Amino acid sequence: MARIAEIKRKTNETEVFVWLNIDGKGEAKLNYPIGFMSHMLNTFARHGLFDIEVNGKGDLEVDQHHLVEDTGIALGQCFEKALGEKRGIRRNGSCLFPMDECLARAAVDISGRPFLYFDGQLSSAPLISTPQDKTQYDFQTDVIEDFWRGFTSAAGFNLHLEIIRGRSDHHKIEALFKAAARALRAACEIDERAKDLIPSTKGSLPGMTESAGVVV
């Protein structure tokens, strides 16, 4: 069965569409107004071998927080929906990813219990763009944690992301996306030895849509 999902999320602040194929080839179709974040989404798709389509627009005259966070939420909802009852998945994955002077670590458990540990060691200084047109913006690095917090809350994943060492904020963020993508790829893979089993002694791994008292 194809593990494909799409989510349309519209608020007074943003409008986001995300389509996901977990068992893809790493292809990304992006119509996204924040250049650096578009680069990260493309990186995420390529290293996770996920096919994604992302269209987003929002109140960038306010700041980038709303659009980036809502993109994380919509992508997380796609994962939760595409994985269904999670039968046969490996459930857990991790990756240690070096990028030049930077070393990032990611570990994920597709548990149905949302949690994010994030230590990006980011300077909070914006990444300065050199736009050729007015559609590009300096990137607010502090919204990266907002993206992953929205993602984990919507997907119901336990995700730990940390930088072990590094200098460049660009490298730190990119290494985190690559590590997270490869950890998620491993966790989402079907275990041929247990492809008919749900990987939990409880007998189920309820998604966020099935959990009481959780509001995304």
Protein backbone atom coordinates (compact mmCIF):
# COMPACT_ATOMS: atom_id res chain seq x y z
CA MET A 1 0.00 0.00 0.00
CA ALA A 2 1.34 3.41 -0.97
CA ARG A 3 2.34 5.57 1.98
CA ILE A 4 1.22 8.89 0.58
CA ALA A 5 -0.60 11.81 2.19
CA GLU A 6 -1.41 15.45 1.62
CA ILE A 7 -2.41 18.23 3.98
CA LYS A 8 -3.87 21.65 3.30
CA ARG A 9 -3.51 24.02 6.22
CA LYS A 10 -5.04 27.49 6.05
CA THR A 11 -5.18 30.09 8.80
CA ASN A 12 -5.46 33.87 8.94
CA GLU A 13 -1.65 33.95 8.92
CA THR A 14 -0.59 31.28 6.42
CA GLU A 15 -1.67 28.94 3.66
CA VAL A 16 0.37 25.74 3.31
CA PHE A 17 -0.03 22.66 1.12
CA VAL A 18 2.20 19.61 1.65
CA TRP A 19 2.18 16.34 -0.29
CA LEU A 20 4.38 13.45 0.86
CA ASN A 21 5.38 10.06 -0.49
CA ILE A 22 7.43 8.29 2.18
CA ASP A 23 8.69 5.68 -0.30
CA GLY A 24 9.95 8.11 -2.88
CA LYS A 25 13.17 8.93 -4.70
CA GLY A 26 14.10 12.16 -2.93
CA GLU A 27 12.38 14.54 -5.32
CA ALA A 28 11.04 17.91 -4.16
CA LYS A 29 8.68 20.33 -5.86
CA LEU A 30 8.77 23.58 -3.93
CA ASN A 31 6.96 26.87 -4.28
CA TYR A 32 8.15 28.54 -1.11
CA PRO A 33 9.02 32.19 -0.51
CA ILE A 34 11.89 31.68 1.95
CA GLY A 35 14.97 30.64 0.00
CA PHE A 36 16.99 29.07 2.80
CA MET A 37 14.02 27.08 4.10
CA SER A 38 13.32 25.87 0.57
CA HIS A 39 16.93 24.65 0.45
CA MET A 40 16.40 22.76 3.73
CA LEU A 41 13.18 21.12 2.50
CA ASN A 42 14.95 19.99 -0.67
CA THR A 43 17.81 18.63 1.45
CA PHE A 44 15.32 16.82 3.71
CA ALA A 45 13.66 15.15 0.73
CA ARG A 46 16.94 14.11 -0.89
CA HIS A 47 18.49 12.55 2.20
CA GLY A 48 15.30 10.89 3.40
CA LEU A 49 14.38 9.64 -0.09
CA PHE A 50 10.99 11.25 0.47
CA ASP A 51 9.11 12.80 -2.42
CA ILE A 52 7.53 16.05 -1.29
CA GLU A 53 5.59 18.93 -2.73
CA VAL A 54 5.36 22.10 -0.64
CA ASN A 55 3.51 25.29 -1.51
CA GLY A 56 3.45 28.00 1.11
CA LYS A 57 2.64 31.65 1.63
CA GLY A 58 2.12 33.73 4.72
CA ASP A 59 2.48 36.98 6.61
CA LEU A 60 6.19 37.49 6.02
CA GLU A 61 5.69 41.18 6.65
CA VAL A 62 5.29 40.12 10.31
CA ASP A 63 8.12 37.56 10.42
CA GLN A 64 8.96 34.04 9.27
CA HIS A 65 7.77 32.22 12.38
CA HIS A 66 4.16 31.57 11.33
CA LEU A 67 4.94 30.14 7.89
CA VAL A 68 7.90 28.01 8.98
CA GLU A 69 6.08 26.58 12.01
CA ASP A 70 2.92 25.84 10.01
CA THR A 71 5.04 24.11 7.35
CA GLY A 72 6.49 21.88 10.06
CA ILE A 73 3.00 21.12 11.35
CA ALA A 74 1.67 20.23 7.89
CA LEU A 75 4.68 18.02 7.11
CA GLY A 76 4.30 16.26 10.46
CA GLN A 77 0.60 15.68 9.78
CA CYS A 78 1.52 14.13 6.43
CA PHE A 79 3.90 11.67 8.09
CA GLU A 80 1.31 10.74 10.71
CA LYS A 81 -1.35 10.22 8.04
CA ALA A 82 0.87 8.35 5.58
CA LEU A 83 2.19 5.93 8.21
CA GLY A 84 -1.32 4.89 9.27
CA GLU A 85 -1.26 2.25 11.99
CA LYS A 86 2.54 1.97 11.51
CA ARG A 87 2.48 -1.76 10.90
CA GLY A 88 5.86 -3.20 9.95
CA ILE A 89 7.96 -0.07 10.43
CA ARG A 90 11.28 -0.20 12.21
CA ARG A 91 10.00 2.66 14.40
CA ASN A 92 13.42 3.89 15.57
CA GLY A 93 16.22 5.51 13.64
CA SER A 94 19.34 7.57 14.29
CA CYS A 95 22.08 9.31 12.35
CA LEU A 96 25.39 10.98 13.10
CA PHE A 97 26.02 13.39 10.22
CA PRO A 98 29.26 15.34 9.61
CA MET A 99 29.28 18.44 7.44
CA ASP A 100 32.71 20.03 7.20
CA GLU A 101 33.51 21.42 10.68
CA CYS A 102 30.03 20.53 11.96
CA LEU A 103 28.74 17.30 13.49
CA ALA A 104 25.01 16.75 14.02
CA ARG A 105 23.12 13.94 15.72
CA ALA A 106 19.48 12.91 15.29
CA ALA A 107 17.47 10.13 16.91
CA VAL A 108 13.77 9.48 16.38
CA ASP A 109 11.16 7.14 17.82
CA ILE A 110 7.82 6.94 15.99
CA SER A 111 6.06 6.39 19.27
CA GLY A 112 2.82 8.35 19.09
CA ARG A 113 4.14 10.48 21.95
CA PRO A 114 5.40 13.89 20.78
CA PHE A 115 8.63 15.20 22.24
CA LEU A 116 11.41 17.39 20.90
CA TYR A 117 14.86 17.88 22.34
CA PHE A 118 16.63 20.56 20.34
CA ASP A 119 20.13 21.89 20.87
CA GLY A 120 21.13 23.57 17.65
CA GLN A 121 23.75 25.87 19.21
CA LEU A 122 22.60 28.59 16.82
CA SER A 123 23.74 32.18 17.21
CA SER A 124 20.25 33.63 16.48
CA ALA A 125 21.89 36.01 14.01
CA PRO A 126 20.05 36.04 10.66
CA LEU A 127 21.57 34.37 7.64
CA ILE A 128 21.96 37.20 5.16
CA SER A 129 20.65 36.58 1.67
CA THR A 130 21.76 38.33 -1.51
CA PRO A 131 18.47 38.36 -3.42
CA GLN A 132 18.23 39.01 -7.11
CA ASP A 133 14.55 39.80 -6.62
CA LYS A 134 12.23 40.73 -3.77
CA THR A 135 10.99 37.19 -3.09
CA GLN A 136 13.99 36.27 -0.93
CA TYR A 137 14.46 37.20 2.71
CA ASP A 138 17.21 37.06 5.29
CA PHE A 139 16.61 33.88 7.24
CA GLN A 140 15.70 34.00 10.94
CA THR A 141 17.63 31.05 12.36
CA ASP A 142 15.58 30.87 15.57
CA VAL A 143 12.55 29.57 13.62
CA ILE A 144 14.30 26.24 12.96
CA GLU A 145 13.35 25.00 16.43
CA ASP A 146 9.77 26.18 15.75
CA PHE A 147 9.71 24.06 12.58
CA TRP A 148 10.81 20.90 14.35
CA ARG A 149 8.55 21.52 17.35
CA GLY A 150 5.56 21.87 15.03
CA PHE A 151 6.65 18.76 13.14
CA THR A 152 7.01 16.52 16.20
CA SER A 153 3.78 17.76 17.79
CA ALA A 154 1.78 17.02 14.63
CA ALA A 155 3.47 13.72 13.78
CA GLY A 156 3.55 12.33 17.33
CA PHE A 157 7.27 11.61 17.08
CA ASN A 158 9.96 11.65 19.76
CA LEU A 159 12.86 13.49 18.13
CA HIS A 160 16.24 14.48 19.55
CA LEU A 161 18.33 16.90 17.49
CA GLU A 162 21.66 18.29 18.58
CA ILE A 163 24.86 19.81 17.30
CA ILE A 164 27.93 18.20 18.82
CA ARG A 165 30.27 20.81 17.37
CA GLY A 166 30.30 23.37 14.61
CA ARG A 167 30.94 26.99 13.63
CA SER A 168 28.68 27.97 10.73
CA ASP A 169 24.95 28.35 11.45
CA HIS A 170 24.28 27.36 7.84
CA HIS A 171 26.20 24.12 8.30
CA LYS A 172 24.58 23.43 11.67
CA ILE A 173 21.04 23.77 10.32
CA GLU A 174 21.77 21.82 7.15
CA ALA A 175 23.49 19.01 9.05
CA LEU A 176 20.49 18.78 11.40
CA PHE A 177 18.08 18.45 8.45
CA LYS A 178 20.25 15.79 6.83
CA ALA A 179 20.60 13.84 10.09
CA ALA A 180 16.87 14.09 10.81
CA ALA A 181 15.96 12.96 7.29
CA ARG A 182 18.19 9.91 7.44
CA ALA A 183 17.00 9.00 10.95
CA LEU A 184 13.38 9.28 9.79
CA ARG A 185 14.13 7.27 6.66
CA ALA A 186 15.48 4.44 8.82
CA ALA A 187 12.55 4.62 11.26
CA CYS A 188 9.93 4.58 8.47
CA GLU A 189 11.48 1.62 6.63
CA ILE A 190 9.55 -1.64 6.61
CA ASP A 191 11.23 -4.41 8.60
CA GLU A 192 10.84 -7.54 6.47
CA ARG A 193 11.14 -9.76 9.56
CA ALA A 194 8.21 -8.02 11.20
CA LYS A 195 6.26 -6.51 8.32
CA ASP A 196 2.91 -7.69 9.68
CA LEU A 197 3.53 -6.48 13.22
CA ILE A 198 3.01 -3.17 14.97
CA PRO A 199 6.34 -2.48 16.76
CA SER A 200 4.95 -2.01 20.26
CA THR A 201 4.13 -4.30 23.18
CA LYS A 202 0.92 -2.27 23.52
CA GLY A 203 -0.28 -3.61 20.17
CA SER A 204 -0.84 -0.13 18.73
CA LEU A 205 0.96 3.14 18.12
CA PRO A 206 -1.87 5.67 18.06
CA GLY A 207 -1.37 8.78 16.00
CA MET A 208 -2.12 12.29 17.15
CA THR A 209 -5.55 12.23 15.53
CA GLU A 210 -6.45 9.32 17.80
CA SER A 211 -4.99 10.72 21.01
CA ALA A 212 -7.32 12.54 23.35
CA GLY A 213 -6.49 15.98 24.60
CA VAL A 214 -3.90 16.86 21.96
CA VAL A 215 -4.42 20.02 19.93
CA VAL A 216 -2.12 20.90 17.04
